[in-house]
């Protein structure tokens, strides 16, 4: 590996670390809320009455209560992984098809 390539990789690693660390200090007292909470608050402001959901989520109805945060995160990560896998599969197929077509010409 050339010296220039090693320097480039080093600079990129430092930038990635800075991007990960700086928000921890810059957003020290920040409060983060979910979009569900923000939507419920806006509906309450507009209608003047408390928002009442139309139905209960399927998983909550199945287990008889609210899902723990860790399980929600696990399901979200699983959904994300499956989506990325599907997208990567089809992108790989398109790239390989292009390579195969180029070989045929």
N, C-alpha and C. Protein backbone atom coordinates (compact mmCIF):
# COMPACT_ATOMS: atom_id res chain seq x y z
N UNK A 1 0.85 -1.17 0.00
CA UNK A 1 0.00 0.00 0.00
C UNK A 1 0.90 1.24 0.00
N UNK A 2 0.56 2.18 -0.86
CA UNK A 2 1.40 3.37 -0.98
C UNK A 2 1.20 4.30 0.21
N UNK A 3 2.18 5.18 0.37
CA UNK A 3 2.15 6.13 1.49
C UNK A 3 0.96 7.08 1.38
N UNK A 4 0.67 7.53 0.16
CA UNK A 4 -0.45 8.46 -0.04
C UNK A 4 -1.78 7.80 0.32
N UNK A 5 -1.91 6.54 -0.04
CA UNK A 5 -3.15 5.82 0.27
C UNK A 5 -3.31 5.65 1.79
N UNK A 6 -2.23 5.35 2.48
CA UNK A 6 -2.28 5.21 3.94
C UNK A 6 -2.67 6.54 4.59
N UNK A 7 -2.13 7.64 4.08
CA UNK A 7 -2.47 8.95 4.62
C UNK A 7 -3.95 9.27 4.39
N UNK A 8 -4.44 8.93 3.21
CA UNK A 8 -5.85 9.18 2.90
C UNK A 8 -6.76 8.38 3.83
N UNK A 9 -6.42 7.13 4.05
CA UNK A 9 -7.21 6.28 4.95
C UNK A 9 -7.14 6.84 6.37
N UNK A 10 -5.98 7.29 6.80
CA UNK A 10 -5.83 7.87 8.14
C UNK A 10 -6.68 9.12 8.31
N UNK A 11 -6.67 10.00 7.31
CA UNK A 11 -7.46 11.23 7.37
C UNK A 11 -8.95 10.88 7.41
N UNK A 12 -9.38 9.93 6.60
CA UNK A 12 -10.79 9.53 6.61
C UNK A 12 -11.20 8.93 7.96
N UNK A 13 -10.34 8.13 8.56
CA UNK A 13 -10.65 7.57 9.88
C UNK A 13 -10.77 8.67 10.94
N UNK A 14 -9.90 9.66 10.88
CA UNK A 14 -9.98 10.78 11.83
C UNK A 14 -11.28 11.54 11.62
N UNK A 15 -11.66 11.79 10.37
CA UNK A 15 -12.91 12.49 10.08
C UNK A 15 -14.12 11.71 10.59
N UNK A 16 -14.11 10.40 10.40
CA UNK A 16 -15.22 9.58 10.88
C UNK A 16 -15.32 9.66 12.41
N UNK A 17 -14.19 9.59 13.08
CA UNK A 17 -14.19 9.70 14.55
C UNK A 17 -14.71 11.06 14.99
N UNK A 18 -14.30 12.11 14.32
CA UNK A 18 -14.78 13.45 14.67
C UNK A 18 -16.27 13.59 14.45
N UNK A 19 -16.76 13.04 13.35
CA UNK A 19 -18.19 13.10 13.06
C UNK A 19 -18.98 12.34 14.14
N UNK A 20 -18.41 11.28 14.68
CA UNK A 20 -19.10 10.50 15.71
C UNK A 20 -19.00 11.15 17.08
N UNK A 21 -17.92 11.85 17.38
CA UNK A 21 -17.68 12.38 18.73
C UNK A 21 -18.22 13.80 18.91
N UNK A 22 -18.09 14.66 17.93
CA UNK A 22 -18.49 16.07 18.08
C UNK A 22 -19.95 16.24 18.48
N UNK A 23 -20.90 15.51 17.89
CA UNK A 23 -22.30 15.69 18.32
C UNK A 23 -22.54 15.36 19.79
N UNK A 24 -21.73 14.47 20.36
CA UNK A 24 -21.90 14.13 21.78
C UNK A 24 -21.70 15.35 22.66
N UNK A 25 -20.77 16.22 22.29
CA UNK A 25 -20.49 17.41 23.08
C UNK A 25 -21.33 18.60 22.63
N UNK A 26 -21.62 18.68 21.36
CA UNK A 26 -22.37 19.83 20.82
C UNK A 26 -23.84 19.78 21.22
N UNK A 27 -24.39 18.60 21.39
CA UNK A 27 -25.81 18.44 21.70
C UNK A 27 -26.02 17.93 23.11
N UNK A 28 -25.24 18.44 24.06
CA UNK A 28 -25.24 17.91 25.41
C UNK A 28 -26.61 17.96 26.10
N UNK A 29 -27.32 19.06 26.04
CA UNK A 29 -28.59 19.18 26.74
C UNK A 29 -29.81 18.98 25.86
N UNK A 30 -29.60 18.48 24.66
CA UNK A 30 -30.70 18.36 23.70
C UNK A 30 -31.66 17.24 24.09
N UNK A 31 -32.93 17.46 23.80
CA UNK A 31 -33.95 16.44 24.02
C UNK A 31 -34.44 15.97 22.66
N UNK A 32 -34.54 14.66 22.52
CA UNK A 32 -34.98 14.09 21.26
C UNK A 32 -36.29 13.36 21.48
N UNK A 33 -37.24 13.60 20.61
CA UNK A 33 -38.53 12.91 20.70
C UNK A 33 -38.83 12.25 19.38
N UNK A 34 -39.68 11.28 19.43
CA UNK A 34 -40.04 10.56 18.21
C UNK A 34 -41.07 11.31 17.39
N UNK A 35 -41.21 10.90 16.16
CA UNK A 35 -42.19 11.54 15.28
C UNK A 35 -43.62 11.23 15.72
N UNK A 36 -43.83 10.08 16.36
CA UNK A 36 -45.16 9.75 16.87
C UNK A 36 -45.59 10.76 17.92
N UNK A 37 -44.68 11.08 18.82
CA UNK A 37 -45.00 12.05 19.88
C UNK A 37 -45.28 13.43 19.29
N UNK A 38 -44.45 13.85 18.33
CA UNK A 38 -44.64 15.16 17.72
C UNK A 38 -45.98 15.22 16.97
N UNK A 39 -46.32 14.16 16.27
CA UNK A 39 -47.59 14.11 15.55
C UNK A 39 -48.78 14.17 16.50
N UNK A 40 -48.69 13.44 17.59
CA UNK A 40 -49.78 13.45 18.58
C UNK A 40 -49.95 14.84 19.18
N UNK A 41 -48.85 15.51 19.46
CA UNK A 41 -48.92 16.86 20.03
C UNK A 41 -49.54 17.85 19.04
N UNK A 42 -49.18 17.74 17.77
CA UNK A 42 -49.75 18.65 16.76
C UNK A 42 -51.25 18.41 16.60
N UNK A 43 -51.67 17.16 16.59
CA UNK A 43 -53.09 16.86 16.46
C UNK A 43 -53.85 17.40 17.66
N UNK A 44 -53.27 17.28 18.84
CA UNK A 44 -53.91 17.81 20.05
C UNK A 44 -54.03 19.33 19.96
N UNK A 45 -52.99 19.99 19.44
CA UNK A 45 -53.04 21.45 19.29
C UNK A 45 -54.11 21.86 18.26
N UNK A 46 -54.21 21.15 17.17
CA UNK A 46 -55.14 21.51 16.09
C UNK A 46 -56.59 21.22 16.50
N UNK A 47 -56.84 20.03 17.00
CA UNK A 47 -58.21 19.63 17.34
C UNK A 47 -58.67 20.15 18.69
N UNK A 48 -57.74 20.39 19.60
CA UNK A 48 -58.10 20.82 20.93
C UNK A 48 -58.53 19.68 21.83
N UNK A 49 -58.44 18.46 21.34
CA UNK A 49 -58.79 17.28 22.12
C UNK A 49 -57.63 16.29 22.06
N UNK A 50 -57.59 15.41 23.03
CA UNK A 50 -56.54 14.40 23.08
C UNK A 50 -56.65 13.45 21.89
N UNK A 51 -55.52 13.10 21.32
CA UNK A 51 -55.49 12.18 20.17
C UNK A 51 -55.75 10.76 20.67
N UNK A 52 -56.64 10.05 20.00
CA UNK A 52 -56.92 8.67 20.34
C UNK A 52 -56.63 7.81 19.12
N UNK A 53 -55.68 6.87 19.22
CA UNK A 53 -55.34 6.03 18.06
C UNK A 53 -56.54 5.23 17.56
N UNK A 54 -56.58 4.93 16.27
CA UNK A 54 -57.66 4.18 15.66
C UNK A 54 -57.59 2.70 16.00
N UNK A 55 -56.37 2.18 16.16
CA UNK A 55 -56.20 0.76 16.41
C UNK A 55 -54.95 0.56 17.25
N UNK A 56 -54.79 -0.65 17.79
CA UNK A 56 -53.58 -0.97 18.53
C UNK A 56 -52.61 -1.69 17.60
N UNK A 57 -51.33 -1.46 17.76
CA UNK A 57 -50.36 -2.16 16.91
C UNK A 57 -50.49 -3.68 17.05
N UNK A 58 -50.19 -4.38 15.97
CA UNK A 58 -50.37 -5.83 15.92
C UNK A 58 -49.53 -6.54 16.98
N UNK A 59 -48.26 -6.15 17.11
CA UNK A 59 -47.39 -6.82 18.07
C UNK A 59 -47.84 -6.56 19.50
N UNK A 60 -48.31 -5.36 19.79
CA UNK A 60 -48.78 -5.06 21.13
C UNK A 60 -50.03 -5.85 21.46
N UNK A 61 -50.91 -6.04 20.50
CA UNK A 61 -52.12 -6.82 20.71
C UNK A 61 -51.76 -8.30 20.91
N UNK A 62 -50.72 -8.77 20.23
CA UNK A 62 -50.34 -10.18 20.31
C UNK A 62 -49.76 -10.54 21.67
N UNK A 63 -48.95 -9.63 22.25
CA UNK A 63 -48.32 -9.95 23.53
C UNK A 63 -49.09 -9.38 24.71
N UNK A 64 -50.10 -8.59 24.45
CA UNK A 64 -50.93 -8.07 25.52
C UNK A 64 -50.36 -6.86 26.24
N UNK A 65 -49.47 -6.14 25.62
CA UNK A 65 -48.90 -4.94 26.23
C UNK A 65 -47.92 -4.28 25.29
N UNK A 66 -47.26 -3.25 25.78
CA UNK A 66 -46.30 -2.52 24.94
C UNK A 66 -44.99 -3.28 24.84
N UNK A 67 -44.40 -3.25 23.66
CA UNK A 67 -43.11 -3.91 23.46
C UNK A 67 -42.01 -3.16 24.21
N UNK A 68 -41.06 -3.88 24.80
CA UNK A 68 -39.91 -3.20 25.40
C UNK A 68 -39.09 -2.50 24.32
N UNK A 69 -38.39 -1.45 24.70
CA UNK A 69 -37.59 -0.67 23.75
C UNK A 69 -36.55 -1.49 23.03
N UNK A 70 -35.96 -2.46 23.73
CA UNK A 70 -34.92 -3.29 23.10
C UNK A 70 -35.50 -4.14 21.99
N UNK A 71 -36.70 -4.65 22.19
CA UNK A 71 -37.35 -5.48 21.16
C UNK A 71 -37.73 -4.61 19.96
N UNK A 72 -38.23 -3.40 20.23
CA UNK A 72 -38.56 -2.49 19.12
C UNK A 72 -37.31 -2.19 18.30
N UNK A 73 -36.20 -1.93 18.99
CA UNK A 73 -34.94 -1.64 18.28
C UNK A 73 -34.50 -2.86 17.47
N UNK A 74 -34.62 -4.05 18.06
CA UNK A 74 -34.24 -5.27 17.36
C UNK A 74 -35.07 -5.45 16.10
N UNK A 75 -36.38 -5.26 16.20
CA UNK A 75 -37.25 -5.41 15.03
C UNK A 75 -36.93 -4.37 13.97
N UNK A 76 -36.65 -3.14 14.40
CA UNK A 76 -36.30 -2.09 13.45
C UNK A 76 -35.00 -2.43 12.73
N UNK A 77 -33.99 -2.90 13.48
CA UNK A 77 -32.72 -3.28 12.86
C UNK A 77 -32.88 -4.46 11.91
N UNK A 78 -33.72 -5.41 12.30
CA UNK A 78 -33.97 -6.56 11.44
C UNK A 78 -34.63 -6.11 10.13
N UNK A 79 -35.61 -5.23 10.25
CA UNK A 79 -36.29 -4.70 9.07
C UNK A 79 -35.30 -3.95 8.18
N UNK A 80 -34.44 -3.16 8.78
CA UNK A 80 -33.44 -2.42 8.02
C UNK A 80 -32.48 -3.37 7.31
N UNK A 81 -32.02 -4.40 8.03
CA UNK A 81 -31.11 -5.37 7.43
C UNK A 81 -31.71 -6.09 6.25
N UNK A 82 -32.96 -6.49 6.38
CA UNK A 82 -33.65 -7.17 5.27
C UNK A 82 -33.78 -6.23 4.08
N UNK A 83 -34.14 -4.98 4.33
CA UNK A 83 -34.27 -4.01 3.24
C UNK A 83 -32.95 -3.77 2.53
N UNK A 84 -31.89 -3.62 3.30
CA UNK A 84 -30.56 -3.40 2.69
C UNK A 84 -30.14 -4.64 1.90
N UNK A 85 -30.44 -5.83 2.43
CA UNK A 85 -30.09 -7.05 1.72
C UNK A 85 -30.80 -7.16 0.38
N UNK A 86 -32.08 -6.80 0.36
CA UNK A 86 -32.85 -6.86 -0.89
C UNK A 86 -32.29 -5.86 -1.90
N UNK A 87 -32.04 -4.63 -1.44
CA UNK A 87 -31.51 -3.60 -2.34
C UNK A 87 -30.13 -4.02 -2.87
N UNK A 88 -29.26 -4.53 -1.98
CA UNK A 88 -27.92 -4.94 -2.40
C UNK A 88 -28.00 -6.11 -3.39
N UNK A 89 -28.92 -7.03 -3.17
CA UNK A 89 -29.07 -8.16 -4.08
C UNK A 89 -29.41 -7.68 -5.48
N UNK A 90 -30.42 -6.81 -5.58
CA UNK A 90 -30.83 -6.34 -6.91
C UNK A 90 -29.78 -5.45 -7.56
N UNK A 91 -29.09 -4.65 -6.78
CA UNK A 91 -28.01 -3.84 -7.36
C UNK A 91 -26.88 -4.73 -7.86
N UNK A 92 -26.57 -5.78 -7.10
CA UNK A 92 -25.55 -6.73 -7.55
C UNK A 92 -25.96 -7.43 -8.83
N UNK A 93 -27.23 -7.80 -8.92
CA UNK A 93 -27.72 -8.43 -10.14
C UNK A 93 -27.59 -7.49 -11.34
N UNK A 94 -27.90 -6.22 -11.14
CA UNK A 94 -27.79 -5.26 -12.24
C UNK A 94 -26.34 -5.10 -12.68
N UNK A 95 -25.43 -5.03 -11.73
CA UNK A 95 -24.01 -4.88 -12.06
C UNK A 95 -23.51 -6.12 -12.81
N UNK A 96 -23.86 -7.30 -12.30
CA UNK A 96 -23.42 -8.52 -12.96
C UNK A 96 -24.03 -8.68 -14.35
N UNK A 97 -25.28 -8.26 -14.51
CA UNK A 97 -25.91 -8.32 -15.82
C UNK A 97 -25.16 -7.42 -16.80
N UNK A 98 -24.80 -6.23 -16.34
CA UNK A 98 -24.06 -5.29 -17.19
C UNK A 98 -22.71 -5.89 -17.59
N UNK A 99 -22.00 -6.52 -16.64
CA UNK A 99 -20.72 -7.14 -16.95
C UNK A 99 -20.89 -8.27 -17.96
N UNK A 100 -21.94 -9.07 -17.77
CA UNK A 100 -22.20 -10.18 -18.68
C UNK A 100 -22.54 -9.68 -20.07
N UNK A 101 -23.33 -8.62 -20.17
CA UNK A 101 -23.68 -8.07 -21.47
C UNK A 101 -22.46 -7.47 -22.15
N UNK A 102 -21.58 -6.82 -21.37
CA UNK A 102 -20.37 -6.27 -21.96
C UNK A 102 -19.45 -7.37 -22.50
N UNK A 103 -19.41 -8.53 -21.85
CA UNK A 103 -18.61 -9.63 -22.32
C UNK A 103 -19.16 -10.21 -23.63
N UNK A 104 -20.46 -10.21 -23.76
CA UNK A 104 -21.10 -10.78 -24.95
C UNK A 104 -20.82 -9.94 -26.20
N UNK A 105 -20.58 -8.65 -26.01
CA UNK A 105 -20.32 -7.78 -27.17
C UNK A 105 -18.90 -7.94 -27.56
